[in-house]
């Protein structure tokens, strides 16, 4: 197997370690978070079927490119609404190697306030 540079980053290694233990099912899909320098993305994934059930990002929340705590709260609330519309009420949180702090924590708290259980 060829080893790529992006697979050696500390965040990628942590994400791989986390995904060994976390699996999204039809009953409890996986809520995955990705933070770029400009935007923050989140999606609810059913790993057993390989389908994305709901998604939200700060890219869709207006024309301003931002990846901060306020944007993360908006994305979390929007994702909770989209997940509820898709019939999802309970998820497994996948922080994808990021620390549970700042933007990731704000997104998770907003999703919980929106009605998702995890």
Protein backbone atom coordinates (compact mmCIF):
# COMPACT_ATOMS: atom_id res chain seq x y z
CA UNK A 1 0.00 0.00 0.00
CA UNK A 2 1.36 3.37 -0.99
CA UNK A 3 1.75 5.84 1.88
CA UNK A 4 0.77 9.40 1.01
CA UNK A 5 1.89 12.53 2.79
CA UNK A 6 -1.65 13.50 3.79
CA UNK A 7 -2.07 10.11 5.50
CA UNK A 8 0.87 10.91 7.79
CA UNK A 9 -0.55 14.11 9.26
CA UNK A 10 -1.37 13.89 12.96
CA UNK A 11 -5.05 14.76 12.36
CA UNK A 12 -5.40 12.07 9.69
CA UNK A 13 -3.86 9.49 12.02
CA UNK A 14 -6.22 10.49 14.86
CA UNK A 15 -9.20 10.38 12.48
CA UNK A 16 -8.26 6.87 11.33
CA UNK A 17 -7.95 5.76 14.98
CA UNK A 18 -11.37 7.22 15.81
CA UNK A 19 -13.08 5.67 12.76
CA UNK A 20 -11.91 2.19 13.79
CA UNK A 21 -14.30 2.44 16.72
CA UNK A 22 -17.12 4.60 15.30
CA UNK A 23 -19.54 3.24 12.70
CA UNK A 24 -22.75 4.86 11.53
CA UNK A 25 -25.76 2.54 11.30
CA UNK A 26 -29.31 3.05 10.08
CA UNK A 27 -30.50 3.54 13.68
CA UNK A 28 -27.60 5.84 14.69
CA UNK A 29 -25.80 7.41 11.73
CA UNK A 30 -22.42 9.14 12.07
CA UNK A 31 -22.25 12.93 12.35
CA UNK A 32 -18.94 13.83 10.70
CA UNK A 33 -17.27 17.26 10.96
CA UNK A 34 -14.67 18.83 8.67
CA UNK A 35 -13.08 22.23 9.23
CA UNK A 36 -11.16 24.01 6.49
CA UNK A 37 -9.54 27.40 6.89
CA UNK A 38 -12.52 29.10 5.21
CA UNK A 39 -15.55 26.94 5.94
CA UNK A 40 -16.94 24.32 8.31
CA UNK A 41 -18.87 21.30 7.03
CA UNK A 42 -20.95 18.63 8.76
CA UNK A 43 -22.87 15.65 7.46
CA UNK A 44 -24.90 12.75 8.81
CA UNK A 45 -23.74 9.49 7.19
CA UNK A 46 -25.21 5.98 7.21
CA UNK A 47 -22.06 3.85 6.80
CA UNK A 48 -23.96 0.60 6.35
CA UNK A 49 -25.56 1.91 3.13
CA UNK A 50 -22.82 4.41 2.27
CA UNK A 51 -25.29 7.31 2.03
CA UNK A 52 -25.27 10.88 3.27
CA UNK A 53 -28.62 11.54 4.93
CA UNK A 54 -28.20 15.25 5.73
CA UNK A 55 -25.54 17.89 5.37
CA UNK A 56 -24.86 21.54 6.19
CA UNK A 57 -21.96 23.93 5.78
CA UNK A 58 -21.01 27.54 6.31
CA UNK A 59 -20.54 27.71 2.54
CA UNK A 60 -24.32 27.64 2.09
CA UNK A 61 -25.06 30.09 4.91
CA UNK A 62 -24.57 33.30 2.89
CA UNK A 63 -21.78 34.72 0.82
CA UNK A 64 -19.27 35.41 3.60
CA UNK A 65 -16.56 32.78 3.92
CA UNK A 66 -16.12 32.03 7.57
CA UNK A 67 -15.02 29.24 9.79
CA UNK A 68 -15.54 30.50 13.32
CA UNK A 69 -17.60 29.60 16.36
CA UNK A 70 -20.63 31.62 15.25
CA UNK A 71 -20.65 29.89 11.87
CA UNK A 72 -20.26 26.51 13.58
CA UNK A 73 -23.35 27.19 15.70
CA UNK A 74 -25.37 28.05 12.58
CA UNK A 75 -24.14 24.91 10.81
CA UNK A 76 -25.01 22.74 13.83
CA UNK A 77 -28.54 24.16 14.01
CA UNK A 78 -29.04 23.77 10.24
CA UNK A 79 -27.76 20.20 10.36
CA UNK A 80 -30.14 19.33 13.21
CA UNK A 81 -33.08 20.61 11.16
CA UNK A 82 -31.96 18.70 8.05
CA UNK A 83 -31.45 15.53 10.09
CA UNK A 84 -34.89 15.83 11.68
CA UNK A 85 -36.39 16.24 8.20
CA UNK A 86 -34.58 13.03 7.14
CA UNK A 87 -36.01 11.18 10.16
CA UNK A 88 -32.79 11.04 12.21
CA UNK A 89 -32.95 11.77 15.94
CA UNK A 90 -29.86 10.00 17.35
CA UNK A 91 -26.33 10.10 15.93
CA UNK A 92 -22.77 9.05 16.77
CA UNK A 93 -20.39 12.04 16.83
CA UNK A 94 -17.23 11.76 14.72
CA UNK A 95 -14.89 14.67 15.42
CA UNK A 96 -12.53 13.45 12.66
CA UNK A 97 -9.33 13.95 14.62
CA UNK A 98 -10.11 17.50 15.75
CA UNK A 99 -10.02 18.41 19.42
CA UNK A 100 -13.45 18.68 21.03
CA UNK A 101 -12.95 22.39 21.55
CA UNK A 102 -13.93 25.66 19.90
CA UNK A 103 -15.70 25.23 16.54
CA UNK A 104 -16.24 21.49 16.90
CA UNK A 105 -17.74 21.85 20.38
CA UNK A 106 -19.95 24.76 19.25
CA UNK A 107 -21.28 22.72 16.33
CA UNK A 108 -22.00 19.73 18.59
CA UNK A 109 -23.77 21.87 21.21
CA UNK A 110 -25.92 23.58 18.57
CA UNK A 111 -26.87 20.19 17.07
CA UNK A 112 -27.85 18.96 20.54
CA UNK A 113 -29.96 22.08 21.11
CA UNK A 114 -31.59 21.41 17.74
CA UNK A 115 -32.77 18.02 18.97
CA UNK A 116 -30.08 15.52 17.96
CA UNK A 117 -29.07 13.03 20.63
CA UNK A 118 -25.45 11.89 21.00
